[in-house]
Amino acid sequence: MAPYEALYGRPCRTSICWNEVGERKLLGPELVQQTSDNVKIIRDNLKTTRDRKKCYADKRRRELEFEVELSHISDAFHVVMLRKYVPDPTHVLPEQPVQLRENLSYEEEPVEILDRKEHVLRNKTIPLVKVRTGTDQ
């Protein structure tokens, strides 16, 4: 016995073929006509349901209003607003020699520990250290 039949006590009928058990079987054009009629009924029921749901949704729907923000600011960049750069010796960073390897990589050396903290997970604690290296300024 099928699960549907065991649960509801009657055999499952598809929405295409609504014949009761023991009714005569339809063949050829009769089956096509009945199937077309059943599909039309299903479409009408779906349209009725969709219209009802739309009516409920439209009653609760409200128009959204958005406030205009930053409308007076233009996203264009004007060259006229640029100023001439005044040289300042403090802006120049000292050159630091870097020893490159054959594969163009280098090794950074820690200079100072800036901060320490521990990240606590459920089962373990991970120590985190913020380090200033020789190439950082």
N, C-alpha and C. Protein backbone atom coordinates (compact mmCIF):
# COMPACT_ATOMS: atom_id res chain seq x y z
N MET A 1 0.85 -1.16 0.00
CA MET A 1 0.00 0.00 0.00
C MET A 1 0.90 1.24 0.00
N ALA A 2 0.49 2.25 -0.72
CA ALA A 2 1.26 3.48 -0.83
C ALA A 2 1.17 4.26 0.48
N PRO A 3 2.19 5.07 0.82
CA PRO A 3 2.15 5.85 2.07
C PRO A 3 0.93 6.77 2.16
N TYR A 4 0.55 7.40 1.06
CA TYR A 4 -0.62 8.28 1.06
C TYR A 4 -1.88 7.50 1.41
N GLU A 5 -2.00 6.32 0.80
CA GLU A 5 -3.18 5.48 1.05
C GLU A 5 -3.21 5.00 2.48
N ALA A 6 -2.04 4.68 3.04
CA ALA A 6 -1.98 4.23 4.43
C ALA A 6 -2.33 5.37 5.39
N LEU A 7 -1.93 6.58 5.05
CA LEU A 7 -2.17 7.72 5.94
C LEU A 7 -3.61 8.21 5.87
N TYR A 8 -4.17 8.31 4.67
CA TYR A 8 -5.50 8.88 4.50
C TYR A 8 -6.61 7.85 4.24
N GLY A 9 -6.26 6.61 4.06
CA GLY A 9 -7.27 5.57 3.89
C GLY A 9 -7.88 5.53 2.51
N ARG A 10 -7.33 6.25 1.55
CA ARG A 10 -7.83 6.22 0.17
C ARG A 10 -6.64 6.38 -0.76
N PRO A 11 -6.77 5.90 -1.99
CA PRO A 11 -5.64 6.00 -2.92
C PRO A 11 -5.41 7.44 -3.36
N CYS A 12 -4.18 7.73 -3.68
CA CYS A 12 -3.80 9.07 -4.13
C CYS A 12 -4.29 9.29 -5.54
N ARG A 13 -4.91 10.44 -5.76
CA ARG A 13 -5.33 10.81 -7.11
C ARG A 13 -4.55 12.05 -7.50
N THR A 14 -3.98 12.05 -8.66
CA THR A 14 -3.26 13.22 -9.13
C THR A 14 -4.26 14.28 -9.54
N SER A 15 -3.79 15.52 -9.63
CA SER A 15 -4.69 16.60 -10.01
C SER A 15 -5.06 16.52 -11.49
N ILE A 16 -4.35 15.73 -12.26
CA ILE A 16 -4.66 15.57 -13.68
C ILE A 16 -5.76 14.53 -13.88
N CYS A 17 -5.67 13.45 -13.16
CA CYS A 17 -6.65 12.37 -13.33
C CYS A 17 -7.39 12.16 -12.02
N TRP A 18 -8.62 12.68 -11.90
CA TRP A 18 -9.39 12.63 -10.66
C TRP A 18 -10.39 11.49 -10.64
N ASN A 19 -10.10 10.46 -11.33
CA ASN A 19 -11.02 9.32 -11.37
C ASN A 19 -10.95 8.55 -10.07
N GLU A 20 -12.11 8.06 -9.62
CA GLU A 20 -12.15 7.19 -8.46
C GLU A 20 -11.70 5.80 -8.87
N VAL A 21 -11.30 5.03 -7.88
CA VAL A 21 -10.87 3.67 -8.16
C VAL A 21 -12.08 2.89 -8.66
N GLY A 22 -11.91 2.16 -9.71
CA GLY A 22 -12.97 1.36 -10.27
C GLY A 22 -13.75 2.06 -11.37
N GLU A 23 -13.56 3.37 -11.59
CA GLU A 23 -14.25 4.05 -12.68
C GLU A 23 -13.64 3.60 -14.00
N ARG A 24 -14.39 3.84 -15.04
CA ARG A 24 -13.90 3.40 -16.34
C ARG A 24 -12.71 4.25 -16.76
N LYS A 25 -11.83 3.66 -17.48
CA LYS A 25 -10.63 4.34 -17.94
C LYS A 25 -10.94 5.13 -19.20
N LEU A 26 -10.41 6.33 -19.29
CA LEU A 26 -10.61 7.15 -20.48
C LEU A 26 -9.47 6.89 -21.46
N LEU A 27 -9.79 6.90 -22.70
CA LEU A 27 -8.78 6.66 -23.72
C LEU A 27 -8.86 7.75 -24.78
N GLY A 28 -7.71 8.04 -25.39
CA GLY A 28 -7.65 8.92 -26.55
C GLY A 28 -8.09 10.35 -26.27
N PRO A 29 -8.97 10.88 -27.15
CA PRO A 29 -9.38 12.28 -27.06
C PRO A 29 -10.13 12.61 -25.77
N GLU A 30 -10.85 11.63 -25.20
CA GLU A 30 -11.57 11.89 -23.95
C GLU A 30 -10.58 12.22 -22.83
N LEU A 31 -9.47 11.48 -22.76
CA LEU A 31 -8.47 11.71 -21.73
C LEU A 31 -7.82 13.08 -21.91
N VAL A 32 -7.53 13.45 -23.15
CA VAL A 32 -6.93 14.75 -23.42
C VAL A 32 -7.89 15.87 -23.05
N GLN A 33 -9.17 15.71 -23.40
CA GLN A 33 -10.17 16.74 -23.08
C GLN A 33 -10.35 16.89 -21.57
N GLN A 34 -10.44 15.76 -20.86
CA GLN A 34 -10.63 15.83 -19.41
C GLN A 34 -9.39 16.43 -18.74
N THR A 35 -8.21 16.06 -19.22
CA THR A 35 -6.98 16.61 -18.66
C THR A 35 -6.91 18.12 -18.90
N SER A 36 -7.29 18.56 -20.09
CA SER A 36 -7.31 20.01 -20.39
C SER A 36 -8.29 20.74 -19.49
N ASP A 37 -9.47 20.15 -19.28
CA ASP A 37 -10.45 20.77 -18.38
C ASP A 37 -9.92 20.87 -16.95
N ASN A 38 -9.27 19.79 -16.49
CA ASN A 38 -8.72 19.80 -15.14
C ASN A 38 -7.60 20.85 -14.99
N VAL A 39 -6.77 20.98 -16.00
CA VAL A 39 -5.70 21.99 -15.97
C VAL A 39 -6.31 23.39 -15.93
N LYS A 40 -7.40 23.61 -16.68
CA LYS A 40 -8.07 24.91 -16.68
C LYS A 40 -8.64 25.22 -15.30
N ILE A 41 -9.24 24.22 -14.66
CA ILE A 41 -9.78 24.41 -13.30
C ILE A 41 -8.66 24.75 -12.33
N ILE A 42 -7.54 24.04 -12.44
CA ILE A 42 -6.39 24.31 -11.56
C ILE A 42 -5.88 25.72 -11.76
N ARG A 43 -5.75 26.16 -13.02
CA ARG A 43 -5.27 27.51 -13.30
C ARG A 43 -6.23 28.57 -12.75
N ASP A 44 -7.53 28.32 -12.88
CA ASP A 44 -8.51 29.27 -12.33
C ASP A 44 -8.40 29.36 -10.82
N ASN A 45 -8.24 28.21 -10.16
CA ASN A 45 -8.11 28.20 -8.70
C ASN A 45 -6.82 28.92 -8.27
N LEU A 46 -5.74 28.71 -8.99
CA LEU A 46 -4.49 29.39 -8.67
C LEU A 46 -4.62 30.90 -8.86
N LYS A 47 -5.32 31.32 -9.92
CA LYS A 47 -5.50 32.75 -10.17
C LYS A 47 -6.35 33.37 -9.06
N THR A 48 -7.40 32.67 -8.64
CA THR A 48 -8.24 33.17 -7.55
C THR A 48 -7.42 33.34 -6.27
N THR A 49 -6.62 32.34 -5.97
CA THR A 49 -5.78 32.39 -4.77
C THR A 49 -4.76 33.52 -4.88
N ARG A 50 -4.12 33.65 -6.04
CA ARG A 50 -3.12 34.70 -6.24
C ARG A 50 -3.75 36.08 -6.10
N ASP A 51 -4.96 36.28 -6.66
CA ASP A 51 -5.65 37.56 -6.54
C ASP A 51 -6.00 37.88 -5.08
N ARG A 52 -6.44 36.85 -4.33
CA ARG A 52 -6.78 37.06 -2.93
C ARG A 52 -5.53 37.45 -2.13
N LYS A 53 -4.42 36.76 -2.35
CA LYS A 53 -3.17 37.08 -1.65
C LYS A 53 -2.69 38.48 -2.02
N LYS A 54 -2.84 38.85 -3.29
CA LYS A 54 -2.41 40.18 -3.74
C LYS A 54 -3.26 41.25 -3.06
N CYS A 55 -4.54 41.00 -2.91
CA CYS A 55 -5.43 41.94 -2.24
C CYS A 55 -4.99 42.14 -0.79
N TYR A 56 -4.66 41.05 -0.09
CA TYR A 56 -4.17 41.15 1.29
C TYR A 56 -2.87 41.94 1.35
N ALA A 57 -1.96 41.64 0.43
CA ALA A 57 -0.66 42.31 0.42
C ALA A 57 -0.81 43.79 0.10
N ASP A 58 -1.72 44.14 -0.83
CA ASP A 58 -1.90 45.54 -1.21
C ASP A 58 -2.47 46.37 -0.06
N LYS A 59 -3.31 45.76 0.78
CA LYS A 59 -3.86 46.50 1.91
C LYS A 59 -2.77 46.88 2.91
N ARG A 60 -1.77 46.02 3.07
CA ARG A 60 -0.71 46.27 4.04
C ARG A 60 0.48 47.03 3.44
N ARG A 61 0.50 47.17 2.14
CA ARG A 61 1.62 47.82 1.48
C ARG A 61 1.54 49.33 1.67
N ARG A 62 2.69 49.95 1.88
CA ARG A 62 2.73 51.39 1.98
C ARG A 62 3.84 51.90 1.07
N GLU A 63 3.68 53.11 0.61
CA GLU A 63 4.67 53.71 -0.27
C GLU A 63 5.91 54.05 0.53
N LEU A 64 7.06 53.71 -0.01
CA LEU A 64 8.31 54.03 0.65
C LEU A 64 8.79 55.39 0.19
N GLU A 65 9.26 56.17 1.13
CA GLU A 65 9.80 57.48 0.81
C GLU A 65 11.25 57.51 1.26
N PHE A 66 12.11 57.97 0.37
CA PHE A 66 13.53 58.03 0.66
C PHE A 66 13.95 59.49 0.77
N GLU A 67 14.80 59.75 1.74
CA GLU A 67 15.31 61.10 1.92
C GLU A 67 16.54 61.28 1.05
N VAL A 68 16.62 62.42 0.39
CA VAL A 68 17.77 62.70 -0.47
C VAL A 68 18.91 63.14 0.43
N GLU A 69 20.04 62.40 0.35
CA GLU A 69 21.22 62.74 1.16
C GLU A 69 22.37 63.13 0.26
N LEU A 70 23.11 64.11 0.67
CA LEU A 70 24.32 64.57 0.00
C LEU A 70 24.07 64.95 -1.45
N SER A 71 22.86 65.47 -1.74
CA SER A 71 22.56 65.83 -3.12
C SER A 71 23.28 67.10 -3.55
N HIS A 72 23.66 67.93 -2.58
CA HIS A 72 24.33 69.18 -2.91
C HIS A 72 25.84 68.99 -3.13
N ILE A 73 26.35 67.83 -2.85
CA ILE A 73 27.78 67.57 -3.04
C ILE A 73 27.98 66.87 -4.37
N SER A 74 28.85 67.43 -5.16
CA SER A 74 29.13 66.85 -6.48
C SER A 74 30.26 65.85 -6.35
N ASP A 75 30.20 64.79 -7.11
CA ASP A 75 31.26 63.78 -7.07
C ASP A 75 32.37 64.09 -8.07
N ALA A 76 32.31 65.27 -8.69
CA ALA A 76 33.36 65.66 -9.63
C ALA A 76 34.54 66.25 -8.86
N PHE A 77 35.73 66.04 -9.38
CA PHE A 77 36.95 66.56 -8.76
C PHE A 77 37.44 67.72 -9.62
N HIS A 78 37.56 68.92 -9.03
CA HIS A 78 37.95 70.10 -9.78
C HIS A 78 39.42 70.41 -9.53
N VAL A 79 40.15 70.62 -10.59
CA VAL A 79 41.58 70.91 -10.51
C VAL A 79 41.82 72.26 -9.84
N VAL A 80 40.88 73.18 -9.93
CA VAL A 80 41.01 74.51 -9.35
C VAL A 80 41.18 74.42 -7.84
N MET A 81 40.64 73.38 -7.24
CA MET A 81 40.71 73.24 -5.79
C MET A 81 42.07 72.74 -5.31
N LEU A 82 42.93 72.32 -6.21
CA LEU A 82 44.25 71.85 -5.81
C LEU A 82 45.13 73.00 -5.35
N ARG A 83 46.01 72.71 -4.41
CA ARG A 83 46.97 73.71 -3.94
C ARG A 83 48.37 73.24 -4.27
N LYS A 84 49.26 74.17 -4.36
CA LYS A 84 50.65 73.85 -4.65
C LYS A 84 51.26 73.18 -3.42
N TYR A 85 52.05 72.14 -3.68
CA TYR A 85 52.70 71.42 -2.59
C TYR A 85 53.88 72.23 -2.07
N VAL A 86 53.90 72.43 -0.77
CA VAL A 86 55.02 73.12 -0.13
C VAL A 86 55.94 72.05 0.44
N PRO A 87 57.18 71.97 -0.06
CA PRO A 87 58.09 70.93 0.42
C PRO A 87 58.36 71.06 1.92
N ASP A 88 58.37 69.92 2.58
CA ASP A 88 58.65 69.87 4.01
C ASP A 88 59.62 68.72 4.25
N PRO A 89 60.77 68.98 4.87
CA PRO A 89 61.76 67.91 5.07
C PRO A 89 61.26 66.78 5.95
N THR A 90 60.25 67.02 6.77
CA THR A 90 59.76 65.95 7.63
C THR A 90 58.92 64.94 6.86
N HIS A 91 58.51 65.31 5.64
CA HIS A 91 57.72 64.38 4.84
C HIS A 91 58.58 63.30 4.20
N VAL A 92 59.86 63.50 4.13
CA VAL A 92 60.76 62.55 3.48
C VAL A 92 61.10 61.45 4.45
N LEU A 93 60.90 60.21 4.04
CA LEU A 93 61.23 59.06 4.87
C LEU A 93 62.67 58.64 4.59
N PRO A 94 63.39 58.27 5.62
CA PRO A 94 64.77 57.82 5.38
C PRO A 94 64.77 56.49 4.64
N GLU A 95 65.76 56.36 3.78
CA GLU A 95 65.87 55.14 2.99
C GLU A 95 66.46 54.04 3.85
N GLN A 96 65.85 52.88 3.78
CA GLN A 96 66.35 51.74 4.54
C GLN A 96 66.74 50.65 3.56
N PRO A 97 67.98 50.22 3.62
CA PRO A 97 68.41 49.18 2.68
C PRO A 97 67.74 47.84 3.01
N VAL A 98 67.33 47.16 1.96
CA VAL A 98 66.67 45.86 2.12
C VAL A 98 67.51 44.83 1.38
N GLN A 99 67.86 43.76 2.08
CA GLN A 99 68.64 42.68 1.47
C GLN A 99 67.68 41.71 0.79
N LEU A 100 67.72 41.68 -0.54
CA LEU A 100 66.84 40.80 -1.30
C LEU A 100 67.54 39.48 -1.57
N ARG A 101 66.77 38.41 -1.52
CA ARG A 101 67.28 37.09 -1.88
C ARG A 101 67.19 36.91 -3.39
N GLU A 102 67.62 35.75 -3.86
CA GLU A 102 67.59 35.49 -5.30
C GLU A 102 66.16 35.46 -5.85
N ASN A 103 65.21 35.01 -5.03
CA ASN A 103 63.82 34.95 -5.49
C ASN A 103 63.07 36.25 -5.20
N LEU A 104 63.81 37.34 -4.93
CA LEU A 104 63.28 38.68 -4.67
C LEU A 104 62.40 38.76 -3.43
N SER A 105 62.64 37.92 -2.44
CA SER A 105 61.94 38.00 -1.17
C SER A 105 62.93 38.53 -0.13
N TYR A 106 62.41 38.99 0.98
CA TYR A 106 63.28 39.50 2.04
C TYR A 106 62.71 39.09 3.38
N GLU A 107 63.54 39.18 4.41
CA GLU A 107 63.13 38.78 5.75
C GLU A 107 63.00 40.03 6.61
N GLU A 108 61.87 40.17 7.26
CA GLU A 108 61.66 41.31 8.14
C GLU A 108 62.09 40.94 9.55
N GLU A 109 62.71 41.88 10.23
CA GLU A 109 63.16 41.66 11.60
C GLU A 109 62.31 42.48 12.55
N PRO A 110 61.79 41.87 13.61
CA PRO A 110 60.99 42.63 14.57
C PRO A 110 61.85 43.62 15.34
N VAL A 111 61.30 44.81 15.56
CA VAL A 111 62.02 45.86 16.28
C VAL A 111 61.40 46.08 17.66
N GLU A 112 60.06 46.08 17.71
CA GLU A 112 59.40 46.43 18.95
C GLU A 112 58.03 45.76 19.00
N ILE A 113 57.64 45.32 20.19
CA ILE A 113 56.30 44.76 20.40
C ILE A 113 55.39 45.91 20.80
N LEU A 114 54.35 46.16 19.97
CA LEU A 114 53.46 47.29 20.21
C LEU A 114 52.28 46.93 21.09
N ASP A 115 51.75 45.72 20.95
CA ASP A 115 50.54 45.36 21.70
C ASP A 115 50.45 43.85 21.83
N ARG A 116 49.87 43.39 22.94
CA ARG A 116 49.62 41.97 23.15
C ARG A 116 48.18 41.79 23.60
N LYS A 117 47.56 40.71 23.13
CA LYS A 117 46.25 40.34 23.63
C LYS A 117 46.01 38.87 23.32
N GLU A 118 45.00 38.33 23.96
CA GLU A 118 44.68 36.91 23.77
C GLU A 118 43.27 36.80 23.21
N HIS A 119 43.14 36.00 22.17
CA HIS A 119 41.85 35.74 21.55
C HIS A 119 41.33 34.42 22.13
N VAL A 120 40.22 34.47 22.86
CA VAL A 120 39.70 33.30 23.55
C VAL A 120 38.65 32.63 22.68
N LEU A 121 38.89 31.36 22.35
CA LEU A 121 37.91 30.55 21.65
C LEU A 121 37.25 29.63 22.66
N ARG A 122 36.43 28.72 22.22
CA ARG A 122 35.74 27.82 23.17
C ARG A 122 36.72 26.93 23.93
N ASN A 123 37.64 26.32 23.18
CA ASN A 123 38.50 25.32 23.81
C ASN A 123 39.94 25.75 23.97
N LYS A 124 40.32 26.89 23.39
CA LYS A 124 41.72 27.30 23.49
C LYS A 124 41.84 28.80 23.43
N THR A 125 43.02 29.27 23.79
CA THR A 125 43.33 30.69 23.78
C THR A 125 44.48 30.91 22.81
N ILE A 126 44.33 31.90 21.92
CA ILE A 126 45.36 32.19 20.93
C ILE A 126 46.01 33.51 21.30
N PRO A 127 47.31 33.51 21.58
CA PRO A 127 47.99 34.78 21.88
C PRO A 127 48.25 35.55 20.58
N LEU A 128 47.94 36.85 20.59
CA LEU A 128 48.16 37.72 19.44
C LEU A 128 49.16 38.80 19.83
N VAL A 129 50.13 39.08 18.94
CA VAL A 129 51.14 40.07 19.22
C VAL A 129 51.25 41.00 18.02
N LYS A 130 51.18 42.32 18.27
CA LYS A 130 51.37 43.30 17.21
C LYS A 130 52.82 43.78 17.28
N VAL A 131 53.56 43.61 16.16
CA VAL A 131 54.98 43.86 16.15
C VAL A 131 55.31 44.91 15.11
N ARG A 132 56.21 45.85 15.46
CA ARG A 132 56.73 46.81 14.48
C ARG A 132 58.03 46.25 13.95
N THR A 133 58.12 46.17 12.62
CA THR A 133 59.31 45.60 12.00
C THR A 133 60.25 46.72 11.55
N GLY A 134 61.41 46.35 11.08
CA GLY A 134 62.40 47.33 10.65
C GLY A 134 61.97 48.14 9.46
N THR A 135 61.07 47.61 8.61
CA THR A 135 60.62 48.35 7.43
C THR A 135 59.46 49.27 7.74
N ASP A 136 58.78 49.09 8.88
CA ASP A 136 57.67 49.97 9.29
C ASP A 136 58.21 51.26 9.88
N GLN A 137 57.55 52.35 9.65
CA GLN A 137 57.93 53.62 10.28
C GLN A 137 56.72 54.35 10.76
